[in-house]
């Protein structure tokens, strides 16, 4: 009985593991376990190229081969696959735990080759010379069989420089037939380690390098199917989980093609689907699994997860925009109709002016030009009949608001029509070679300033308040305006 364990607590048994998702999905084992088994190897383009290149280098008896790859890209699985696929005349030793001393390095190599059998105590306790002598004798026995020995160091980025230097010396034990070949497999930091000045000799002995990459986007679905098919129970193959296209896209985005991350994501996603009693894995299930594992979620995953709500949001936005446009158009129409009715009422109630009361037309006052459409109604009324005030003398000079000047009649007419739609009196008058948009007249400065404020509220700024019937002096020749294709005035011609 173990120390500290009494008869009472030694009889306590652990409860059996509860039923997992494997039986629910018709699987004999977990397809996404993190143990590196060659049975689950998926030969991606990168793995296939690595196996081909390493096999070619070993067949040529090249001394040292280096394979690097990011974390979780299947380096350990690659090492075990190489060990399983060796020929009958090849002995392979895989060293997964980096040795801390040179003597332990030699002991692990001999143990990997199976040299430490019954009489292990003598070899284990031997000094370095005895260990090297034993290894040389073993390699000599391979020469008569035309065989070869391969040592694969996994996690080689953790090897100390003095251990790496001893590995170089091992590759020189039989330089004639190169019976011993070495494969260093590790993370990208291994390249930095090998580039140290004290390891220059080892780096010169490296005959081949290969980098293991993550899975491509079009390989992820095939990778998942491969593992499911290996783990399935044939008679229950119809119960395998089915993943949606959006779920595969989420797995690809979250994992970035790293097989180990794909495994943990899919394993947890299957667990969530089993708890929900569904055989369909969608993107929401994958994102839920990622959150439970604290896997970083790029922004586009959240956007894709909300894609099903995007159409509703867009439709609601368009509906609100249509309603808002309808309200504005109805308000503008009401203002236009109200302004027309007020103008008609003023004409009906105002007494007819005698010819002696009408001021004689000034030769210097330009005639108002009637623009087409709604502006024509405003111009037809005449500036002198708009917003007349009984408190103001008919002979007093009215106030006008000069909005802008344009080179083309079409442009000025459109701006005037937009202002009329706001319920303000506007007209177009010719001034030299320009078409000037004017708002008014107003009998008092306060009314004119109030109209200017209304124009500024709709972003029509840079207006000018003038008094009197005579128009202001003609503006100077403008600079070329992009909005008018070279025909427009300066900043005043901008679209309001």
Protein backbone atom coordinates (compact mmCIF):
# COMPACT_ATOMS: atom_id res chain seq x y z
CA UNK A 1 0.00 0.00 0.00
CA UNK A 2 1.28 3.47 -0.86
CA UNK A 3 2.46 5.68 2.01
CA UNK A 4 -0.28 7.82 3.45
CA UNK A 5 -3.08 5.70 1.97
CA UNK A 6 -5.28 3.85 4.45
CA UNK A 7 -7.52 0.89 3.76
CA UNK A 8 -10.57 3.14 4.02
CA UNK A 9 -9.54 5.64 1.36
CA UNK A 10 -7.81 3.02 -0.79
CA UNK A 11 -11.21 1.47 -1.46
CA UNK A 12 -12.55 4.74 -2.81
CA UNK A 13 -12.93 4.51 -6.60
CA UNK A 14 -13.14 7.38 -9.01
CA UNK A 15 -16.44 7.75 -10.88
CA UNK A 16 -16.45 6.59 -14.44
CA UNK A 17 -15.98 9.23 -17.05
CA UNK A 18 -19.34 10.54 -18.27
CA UNK A 19 -20.45 9.97 -21.79
CA UNK A 20 -18.78 12.42 -24.11
CA UNK A 21 -19.65 13.67 -27.55
CA UNK A 22 -17.88 10.73 -29.24
CA UNK A 23 -20.82 8.36 -28.92
CA UNK A 24 -23.31 11.08 -29.90
CA UNK A 25 -21.46 11.70 -33.17
CA UNK A 26 -20.64 8.06 -33.88
CA UNK A 27 -16.91 8.35 -33.12
CA UNK A 28 -14.68 5.67 -31.65
CA UNK A 29 -12.30 8.26 -30.17
CA UNK A 30 -11.77 11.97 -30.00
CA UNK A 31 -10.72 13.11 -33.49
CA UNK A 32 -9.10 16.30 -32.26
CA UNK A 33 -6.98 15.15 -29.34
CA UNK A 34 -3.66 16.94 -29.02
CA UNK A 35 -1.48 13.84 -28.97
CA UNK A 36 0.66 13.55 -32.08
CA UNK A 37 -0.45 10.38 -33.82
CA UNK A 38 0.69 9.58 -37.38
CA UNK A 39 -2.72 7.98 -37.96
CA UNK A 40 -4.27 11.43 -38.04
CA UNK A 41 -1.60 12.93 -40.27
CA UNK A 42 -3.07 15.20 -42.92
CA UNK A 43 -0.58 15.68 -45.70
CA UNK A 44 -1.04 19.33 -46.44
CA UNK A 45 1.00 20.95 -49.18
CA UNK A 46 3.61 21.97 -46.60
CA UNK A 47 3.75 18.55 -44.87
CA UNK A 48 3.85 16.72 -48.17
CA UNK A 49 6.74 18.86 -49.38
CA UNK A 50 8.57 18.33 -46.06
CA UNK A 51 8.20 14.54 -46.18
CA UNK A 52 9.34 14.46 -49.78
CA UNK A 53 12.36 16.67 -49.21
CA UNK A 54 13.43 14.90 -46.01
CA UNK A 55 13.03 11.48 -47.65
CA UNK A 56 15.14 12.59 -50.58
CA UNK A 57 17.87 13.99 -48.29
CA UNK A 58 17.96 10.79 -46.21
CA UNK A 59 18.23 8.63 -49.31
CA UNK A 60 21.27 10.67 -50.35
CA UNK A 61 22.86 10.21 -46.89
CA UNK A 62 23.01 13.95 -46.23
CA UNK A 63 24.47 14.63 -42.75
CA UNK A 64 22.27 17.27 -41.08
CA UNK A 65 18.76 18.43 -42.04
CA UNK A 66 16.91 21.29 -40.34
CA UNK A 67 13.11 21.64 -40.26
CA UNK A 68 11.49 24.66 -38.62
CA UNK A 69 7.89 25.75 -38.18
CA UNK A 70 5.68 27.90 -35.94
CA UNK A 71 4.08 26.52 -32.79
CA UNK A 72 1.33 23.98 -33.43
CA UNK A 73 2.05 23.32 -37.11
CA UNK A 74 2.56 19.55 -36.62
CA UNK A 75 6.31 19.23 -36.20
CA UNK A 76 6.07 16.39 -33.66
CA UNK A 77 3.62 14.52 -35.87
CA UNK A 78 6.09 14.94 -38.73
CA UNK A 79 8.88 13.45 -36.59
CA UNK A 80 6.80 10.40 -35.68
CA UNK A 81 5.71 9.95 -39.28
CA UNK A 82 9.34 9.86 -40.42
CA UNK A 83 10.08 7.28 -37.72
CA UNK A 84 7.15 5.10 -38.83
CA UNK A 85 7.89 5.25 -42.55
CA UNK A 86 11.51 4.16 -42.42
CA UNK A 87 12.64 1.17 -44.42
CA UNK A 88 13.72 -2.23 -43.04
CA UNK A 89 17.38 -1.22 -43.15
CA UNK A 90 16.92 2.04 -41.28
CA UNK A 91 17.06 2.55 -37.51
CA UNK A 92 15.42 5.73 -36.22
CA UNK A 93 15.73 7.33 -32.79
CA UNK A 94 13.41 10.22 -31.87
CA UNK A 95 14.63 12.36 -28.98
CA UNK A 96 11.83 14.56 -27.67
CA UNK A 97 13.44 15.68 -24.40
CA UNK A 98 16.54 17.81 -25.01
CA UNK A 99 19.49 16.39 -23.05
CA UNK A 100 21.24 18.66 -20.59
CA UNK A 101 24.70 17.10 -20.83
CA UNK A 102 26.80 15.50 -23.53
CA UNK A 103 26.80 12.17 -21.65
CA UNK A 104 23.02 12.17 -21.47
CA UNK A 105 22.93 12.96 -25.18
CA UNK A 106 24.91 9.83 -25.95
CA UNK A 107 22.79 7.74 -23.60
CA UNK A 108 19.54 8.93 -25.23
CA UNK A 109 20.86 8.21 -28.72
CA UNK A 110 21.93 4.67 -27.73
CA UNK A 111 18.63 4.10 -25.98
CA UNK A 112 16.72 5.30 -29.03
CA UNK A 113 18.60 2.82 -31.22
CA UNK A 114 17.82 0.00 -28.80
CA UNK A 115 21.41 -0.60 -27.82
CA UNK A 116 20.63 -0.40 -24.11
CA UNK A 117 19.02 -3.79 -23.67
CA UNK A 118 19.76 -6.29 -20.91
CA UNK A 119 23.18 -5.04 -19.94
CA UNK A 120 22.19 -1.40 -19.51
CA UNK A 121 23.86 -0.71 -16.20
CA UNK A 122 27.36 -0.90 -17.62
CA UNK A 123 26.60 1.42 -20.56
CA UNK A 124 24.61 3.90 -18.52
CA UNK A 125 27.37 4.23 -15.97
CA UNK A 126 30.14 4.37 -18.57
CA UNK A 127 32.15 7.50 -19.16
CA UNK A 128 31.95 9.56 -22.33
CA UNK A 129 34.63 7.55 -24.06
CA UNK A 130 32.79 4.32 -23.35
CA UNK A 131 29.53 5.77 -24.68
CA UNK A 132 31.18 6.96 -27.89
CA UNK A 133 32.89 3.61 -28.33
CA UNK A 134 29.58 1.79 -27.98
CA UNK A 135 27.95 4.07 -30.56
CA UNK A 136 30.79 3.54 -33.02
CA UNK A 137 30.51 -0.22 -32.67
CA UNK A 138 26.79 0.00 -33.34
CA UNK A 139 27.32 2.07 -36.50
CA UNK A 140 30.00 -0.36 -37.63
CA UNK A 141 27.48 -3.18 -37.43
CA UNK A 142 25.17 -1.24 -39.76
CA UNK A 143 27.86 -0.91 -42.41
CA UNK A 144 27.90 -4.65 -43.08
CA UNK A 145 24.11 -4.60 -43.56
CA UNK A 146 24.18 -1.52 -45.82
CA UNK A 147 21.85 0.11 -43.29
CA UNK A 148 21.66 3.61 -41.84
CA UNK A 149 20.81 5.29 -38.54
CA UNK A 150 18.75 8.46 -38.16
CA UNK A 151 18.48 10.62 -35.06
CA UNK A 152 15.58 13.11 -34.96
CA UNK A 153 15.76 15.85 -32.35
CA UNK A 154 12.33 17.34 -31.66
CA UNK A 155 12.12 20.76 -29.96
CA UNK A 156 15.70 21.35 -31.05
CA UNK A 157 15.45 25.08 -30.32
CA UNK A 158 15.96 24.14 -26.64
CA UNK A 159 19.30 22.41 -27.25
CA UNK A 160 22.27 24.10 -25.63
CA UNK A 161 25.17 25.23 -27.86
CA UNK A 162 27.57 22.63 -26.38
CA UNK A 163 25.04 19.89 -27.11
CA UNK A 164 24.66 21.10 -30.70
CA UNK A 165 28.42 21.09 -31.09
CA UNK A 166 28.52 17.46 -29.89
CA UNK A 167 25.80 16.63 -32.42
CA UNK A 168 28.09 17.98 -35.15
CA UNK A 169 30.86 15.71 -33.88
CA UNK A 170 28.48 12.73 -34.00
CA UNK A 171 27.86 13.40 -37.67
CA UNK A 172 31.62 12.96 -38.21
CA UNK A 173 31.85 9.50 -36.62
CA UNK A 174 31.56 7.87 -40.02
CA UNK A 175 32.34 10.44 -42.68
CA UNK A 176 32.94 7.88 -45.41
CA UNK A 177 29.54 6.16 -45.65
CA UNK A 178 27.58 8.67 -43.51
CA UNK A 179 25.80 5.93 -41.59
CA UNK A 180 24.46 8.42 -39.04
CA UNK A 181 22.14 11.20 -40.19
CA UNK A 182 20.66 13.90 -37.99
CA UNK A 183 17.37 15.81 -38.35
CA UNK A 184 16.87 18.92 -36.21
CA UNK A 185 13.22 19.93 -35.86
CA UNK A 186 12.20 23.03 -33.95
CA UNK A 187 10.54 26.41 -33.86
CA UNK A 188 11.87 29.36 -35.90
CA UNK A 189 14.11 30.29 -32.97
CA UNK A 190 16.28 27.35 -34.01
CA UNK A 191 17.54 29.34 -36.99
CA UNK A 192 18.66 32.13 -34.67
CA UNK A 193 20.41 29.59 -32.44
CA UNK A 194 22.27 28.00 -35.33
CA UNK A 195 23.44 31.38 -36.60
CA UNK A 196 25.57 31.99 -33.51
CA UNK A 197 29.28 32.44 -34.22
CA UNK A 198 30.29 29.48 -32.00
CA UNK A 199 28.06 27.17 -34.07
CA UNK A 200 29.42 28.22 -37.44
CA UNK A 201 30.89 24.79 -38.09
CA UNK A 202 27.57 23.09 -37.41
CA UNK A 203 25.73 25.48 -39.71
CA UNK A 204 28.14 24.67 -42.52
CA UNK A 205 27.30 20.99 -42.13
CA UNK A 206 23.58 21.60 -42.70
CA UNK A 207 22.80 20.27 -46.15
CA UNK A 208 19.09 21.08 -46.32
CA UNK A 209 16.51 23.34 -44.66
CA UNK A 210 12.72 23.22 -44.83
CA UNK A 211 10.08 25.44 -43.25
CA UNK A 212 6.76 23.96 -42.19
CA UNK A 213 3.84 26.34 -42.75
CA UNK A 214 0.27 26.51 -41.48
CA UNK A 215 -2.63 25.04 -43.41
CA UNK A 216 -3.96 26.95 -46.37
CA UNK A 217 -7.55 28.18 -46.36
CA UNK A 218 -8.74 25.48 -48.77
CA UNK A 219 -7.03 22.74 -46.70
CA UNK A 220 -8.76 23.34 -43.36
CA UNK A 221 -12.05 21.66 -44.28
CA UNK A 222 -10.19 18.63 -45.67
CA UNK A 223 -8.05 18.49 -42.51
CA UNK A 224 -11.16 18.37 -40.29
CA UNK A 225 -12.83 15.74 -42.49
CA UNK A 226 -9.69 13.62 -42.39
CA UNK A 227 -9.61 13.49 -38.60
CA UNK A 228 -13.35 12.80 -38.35
CA UNK A 229 -13.12 9.94 -40.84
CA UNK A 230 -10.18 8.35 -38.98
CA UNK A 231 -12.03 8.51 -35.64
CA UNK A 232 -15.49 7.48 -36.82
CA UNK A 233 -17.31 4.21 -36.22
CA UNK A 234 -18.11 2.93 -39.68
CA UNK A 235 -21.62 1.73 -38.86
CA UNK A 236 -22.50 5.14 -37.44
CA UNK A 237 -20.88 7.29 -40.11
CA UNK A 238 -24.22 9.00 -40.81
CA UNK A 239 -24.06 10.63 -37.36
CA UNK A 240 -20.89 12.60 -38.07
CA UNK A 241 -21.22 16.32 -37.36
CA UNK A 242 -21.86 18.61 -40.32
CA UNK A 243 -20.22 22.02 -40.42
CA UNK A 244 -21.61 24.99 -42.27
CA UNK A 245 -19.47 27.03 -44.67
CA UNK A 246 -19.54 29.99 -42.27
CA UNK A 247 -18.32 27.72 -39.46
CA UNK A 248 -15.36 26.61 -41.57
CA UNK A 249 -14.61 30.24 -42.34
CA UNK A 250 -14.68 31.07 -38.63
CA UNK A 251 -12.34 28.18 -37.80
CA UNK A 252 -9.95 29.31 -40.52
CA UNK A 253 -9.97 32.90 -39.29
CA UNK A 254 -9.64 32.10 -35.60
CA UNK A 255 -6.97 29.43 -35.98
CA UNK A 256 -5.00 31.15 -38.76
CA UNK A 257 -4.45 27.67 -40.17
CA UNK A 258 -2.50 26.34 -37.15
CA UNK A 259 -3.50 22.65 -36.74
CA UNK A 260 -3.24 22.63 -32.95
CA UNK A 261 -5.59 25.60 -32.62
CA UNK A 262 -7.94 23.97 -35.11
CA UNK A 263 -7.98 20.86 -32.91
CA UNK A 264 -8.87 22.65 -29.69
CA UNK A 265 -11.51 24.80 -31.42
CA UNK A 266 -13.19 21.83 -33.11
CA UNK A 267 -13.02 19.70 -29.97
CA UNK A 268 -14.78 22.37 -27.92
CA UNK A 269 -17.26 23.11 -30.73
CA UNK A 270 -18.25 19.42 -30.84
CA UNK A 271 -18.72 19.53 -27.09
CA UNK A 272 -21.06 22.53 -27.34
CA UNK A 273 -23.01 20.93 -30.19
CA UNK A 274 -23.37 17.73 -28.17
CA UNK A 275 -24.74 19.68 -25.19
CA UNK A 276 -27.20 21.41 -27.55
CA UNK A 277 -28.13 18.02 -29.06
CA UNK A 278 -27.45 19.11 -32.61
CA UNK A 279 -25.34 17.59 -35.38
CA UNK A 280 -24.81 20.94 -37.10
CA UNK A 281 -21.80 23.09 -36.29
CA UNK A 282 -22.42 26.71 -37.25
CA UNK A 283 -20.31 29.83 -36.85
CA UNK A 284 -22.00 30.77 -33.56
CA UNK A 285 -20.91 27.44 -32.07
CA UNK A 286 -17.32 28.00 -33.22
CA UNK A 287 -17.19 31.53 -31.81
CA UNK A 288 -18.67 30.26 -28.54
CA UNK A 289 -15.93 27.65 -28.38
CA UNK A 290 -13.29 30.31 -29.07
CA UNK A 291 -14.58 32.48 -26.24
CA UNK A 292 -14.44 29.59 -23.79
CA UNK A 293 -10.82 28.99 -24.80
CA UNK A 294 -9.83 32.68 -24.77
CA UNK A 295 -8.86 32.47 -28.42
CA UNK A 296 -8.37 35.92 -29.91
CA UNK A 297 -11.23 36.82 -32.23
CA UNK A 298 -10.39 39.08 -35.19
CA UNK A 299 -12.89 41.84 -35.96
CA UNK A 300 -14.18 40.21 -39.15
CA UNK A 301 -15.34 37.14 -37.16
CA UNK A 302 -17.68 39.32 -35.12
CA UNK A 303 -18.88 41.05 -38.26
CA UNK A 304 -19.53 37.73 -39.96
CA UNK A 305 -21.33 36.45 -36.86
CA UNK A 306 -23.75 39.39 -37.10
CA UNK A 307 -24.26 38.96 -40.83
CA UNK A 308 -27.65 37.39 -40.33
CA UNK A 309 -28.80 40.62 -38.67
CA UNK A 310 -27.24 42.92 -41.24
CA UNK A 311 -30.13 42.70 -43.70
CA UNK A 312 -32.61 43.68 -40.99
CA UNK A 313 -30.47 46.64 -39.95
CA UNK A 314 -30.01 47.81 -43.53
CA UNK A 315 -33.72 47.47 -44.26
CA UNK A 316 -34.62 49.45 -41.15
CA UNK A 317 -32.10 52.16 -42.07
CA UNK A 318 -33.47 52.46 -45.58
CA UNK A 319 -37.01 52.64 -44.24
CA UNK A 320 -36.11 55.44 -41.82
CA UNK A 321 -34.29 57.30 -44.58
CA UNK A 322 -37.32 57.02 -46.86
CA UNK A 323 -39.65 58.27 -44.13
CA UNK A 324 -37.31 61.15 -43.30
CA UNK A 325 -37.06 62.10 -46.99
CA UNK A 326 -40.84 61.99 -47.34
CA UNK A 327 -41.26 64.25 -44.30
CA UNK A 328 -38.75 66.78 -45.63
CA UNK A 329 -40.35 66.78 -49.07
CA UNK A 330 -43.81 67.21 -47.57
CA UNK A 331 -42.61 70.07 -45.37
CA UNK A 332 -40.94 71.81 -48.32
CA UNK A 333 -44.11 71.40 -50.37
CA UNK A 334 -46.19 72.86 -47.53
CA UNK A 335 -43.84 75.83 -47.27
CA UNK A 336 -44.01 76.38 -51.02
CA UNK A 337 -47.82 76.21 -51.08
CA UNK A 338 -48.07 78.45 -48.05
CA UNK A 339 -45.74 81.04 -49.58
CA UNK A 340 -47.77 81.05 -52.82
CA UNK A 341 -51.04 81.47 -50.96
CA UNK A 342 -49.63 84.32 -48.88
CA UNK A 343 -48.40 86.06 -52.00
CA UNK A 344 -51.81 85.72 -53.63
CA UNK A 345 -53.50 87.05 -50.49
CA UNK A 346 -51.22 90.08 -50.45
CA UNK A 347 -52.06 90.84 -54.07
CA UNK A 348 -55.78 90.50 -53.40
CA UNK A 349 -55.82 92.72 -50.31
CA UNK A 350 -53.35 95.40 -51.42
CA UNK A 351 -54.95 98.51 -53.00
CA UNK A 352 -54.15 99.21 -56.62
CA UNK A 353 -51.29 101.60 -56.92
CA UNK A 354 -51.81 104.70 -59.02
CA UNK A 355 -49.37 105.51 -61.78
CA UNK A 356 -48.12 108.50 -59.84
CA UNK A 357 -47.33 106.33 -56.80
CA UNK A 358 -45.18 103.87 -58.77
CA UNK A 359 -41.51 104.76 -58.79
CA UNK A 360 -40.09 105.28 -62.27
CA UNK A 361 -37.87 102.43 -63.40
CA UNK A 362 -34.18 103.13 -63.09
CA UNK A 363 -32.03 102.64 -66.13
CA UNK A 364 -29.28 101.22 -63.95
CA UNK A 365 -31.54 98.60 -62.32
CA UNK A 366 -31.32 95.30 -64.21
CA UNK A 367 -34.49 93.49 -65.04
CA UNK A 368 -35.22 90.34 -63.06
CA UNK A 369 -34.82 87.25 -65.16
CA UNK A 370 -37.53 84.65 -64.59
CA UNK A 371 -36.03 81.18 -64.12
CA UNK A 372 -37.98 78.09 -65.11
CA UNK A 373 -40.05 75.99 -62.67
CA UNK A 374 -41.09 77.28 -59.26
CA UNK A 375 -38.72 80.22 -59.35
CA UNK A 376 -40.76 81.74 -62.16
CA UNK A 377 -43.72 82.12 -59.80
CA UNK A 378 -41.62 84.09 -57.37
CA UNK A 379 -40.14 86.29 -60.08
CA UNK A 380 -43.55 86.90 -61.64
CA UNK A 381 -44.73 88.40 -58.37
CA UNK A 382 -41.93 90.93 -58.56
CA UNK A 383 -39.49 91.68 -55.80
CA UNK A 384 -41.44 94.75 -54.72
CA UNK A 385 -44.55 92.71 -53.86
CA UNK A 386 -42.93 90.17 -51.57
CA UNK A 387 -43.09 90.64 -47.80
CA UNK A 388 -44.45 94.18 -48.07
CA UNK A 389 -44.70 95.96 -44.74
CA UNK A 390 -47.31 98.68 -44.15
CA UNK A 391 -45.00 100.34 -41.65
CA UNK A 392 -42.32 100.90 -44.28
CA UNK A 393 -42.52 103.68 -46.79
CA UNK A 394 -42.90 102.47 -50.40
CA UNK A 395 -40.02 104.70 -51.41
CA UNK A 396 -37.56 103.23 -48.86
CA UNK A 397 -34.80 101.07 -50.30
CA UNK A 398 -35.42 97.33 -49.68
CA UNK A 399 -32.84 94.86 -48.41
CA UNK A 400 -31.57 92.09 -50.69
CA UNK A 401 -29.44 89.03 -49.95
CA UNK A 402 -26.93 88.18 -52.67
CA UNK A 403 -26.38 84.43 -52.44
CA UNK A 404 -23.98 83.68 -55.27
CA UNK A 405 -23.11 84.37 -58.88
CA UNK A 406 -22.82 81.74 -61.60
CA UNK A 407 -21.60 81.65 -65.14
CA UNK A 408 -24.42 79.42 -66.38
CA UNK A 409 -28.14 80.11 -66.26
CA UNK A 410 -28.96 76.48 -65.49
CA UNK A 411 -26.86 76.39 -62.37
CA UNK A 412 -28.20 79.67 -60.96
CA UNK A 413 -31.80 78.63 -61.65
CA UNK A 414 -31.32 75.36 -59.77
CA UNK A 415 -29.87 77.15 -56.72
CA UNK A 416 -32.75 79.63 -56.74
CA UNK A 417 -35.27 76.76 -56.95
CA UNK A 418 -33.65 75.09 -53.93
CA UNK A 419 -33.98 78.30 -51.93
CA UNK A 420 -37.62 78.72 -52.96
CA UNK A 421 -38.28 75.18 -51.70
CA UNK A 422 -37.22 76.46 -48.27
CA UNK A 423 -40.03 79.05 -48.36
CA UNK A 424 -37.82 82.05 -49.13
CA UNK A 425 -38.34 84.41 -52.09
CA UNK A 426 -35.52 84.05 -54.60
CA UNK A 427 -34.92 85.17 -58.16
CA UNK A 428 -32.15 85.33 -60.74
CA UNK A 429 -30.94 88.54 -62.35
CA UNK A 430 -28.36 89.10 -65.04
CA UNK A 431 -25.28 91.08 -64.07
CA UNK A 432 -22.74 91.61 -66.82
CA UNK A 433 -21.72 88.06 -67.83
CA UNK A 434 -22.94 86.49 -64.59
CA UNK A 435 -26.26 85.12 -63.35
CA UNK A 436 -26.80 86.30 -59.79
CA UNK A 437 -29.08 84.52 -57.26
CA UNK A 438 -30.81 87.03 -54.96
CA UNK A 439 -33.13 86.48 -52.02
CA UNK A 440 -35.64 89.17 -51.07
CA UNK A 441 -36.52 91.97 -51.11
CA UNK A 442 -37.13 92.59 -47.40
CA UNK A 443 -38.48 95.91 -46.08
CA UNK A 444 -36.32 95.83 -42.93
CA UNK A 445 -32.84 94.75 -42.00
CA UNK A 446 -34.18 92.50 -39.23
CA UNK A 447 -36.19 90.43 -41.70
CA UNK A 448 -33.25 90.19 -44.07
CA UNK A 449 -30.94 89.03 -41.25
CA UNK A 450 -33.54 86.44 -40.22
CA UNK A 451 -33.56 85.15 -43.80
CA UNK A 452 -29.75 84.99 -43.76
CA UNK A 453 -29.93 82.88 -40.61
CA UNK A 454 -32.33 80.48 -42.31
CA UNK A 455 -29.93 80.16 -45.23
CA UNK A 456 -27.00 79.52 -42.89
CA UNK A 457 -29.00 76.81 -41.11
CA UNK A 458 -29.03 74.81 -44.35
CA UNK A 459 -25.30 75.49 -44.96
CA UNK A 460 -25.78 78.34 -47.45
CA UNK A 461 -23.16 80.74 -46.16
CA UNK A 462 -21.01 83.58 -47.51
CA UNK A 463 -24.13 85.55 -48.43
CA UNK A 464 -24.05 89.35 -48.69
CA UNK A 465 -26.70 91.78 -47.43
CA UNK A 466 -27.18 94.86 -49.62
CA UNK A 467 -29.66 97.73 -49.58
CA UNK A 468 -31.03 99.62 -52.49
CA UNK A 469 -32.35 98.88 -55.93
CA UNK A 470 -28.99 99.08 -57.67
CA UNK A 471 -27.06 95.83 -57.74
CA UNK A 472 -23.49 95.67 -56.46
CA UNK A 473 -20.56 96.05 -58.78
CA UNK A 474 -19.77 93.16 -61.06
CA UNK A 475 -17.49 90.57 -59.50
CA UNK A 476 -13.97 90.20 -60.82
CA UNK A 477 -13.17 87.36 -63.24
CA UNK A 478 -13.13 84.16 -61.14
CA UNK A 479 -10.60 81.42 -60.83
CA UNK A 480 -11.42 78.07 -62.36
CA UNK A 481 -13.89 76.06 -60.27
CA UNK A 482 -13.88 72.31 -60.30
CA UNK A 483 -17.61 72.16 -59.68
CA UNK A 484 -18.36 74.22 -62.79
CA UNK A 485 -15.75 72.55 -65.03
CA UNK A 486 -13.88 75.81 -65.42
CA UNK A 487 -16.96 77.99 -66.05
CA UNK A 488 -18.00 78.78 -62.48
CA UNK A 489 -17.27 81.74 -60.23
CA UNK A 490 -15.08 81.63 -57.14
CA UNK A 491 -16.11 80.18 -53.78
CA UNK A 492 -19.56 81.74 -54.04
CA UNK A 493 -20.44 79.24 -56.80
CA UNK A 494 -20.18 76.23 -54.54
CA UNK A 495 -23.30 74.05 -54.29
CA UNK A 496 -25.18 75.04 -51.21
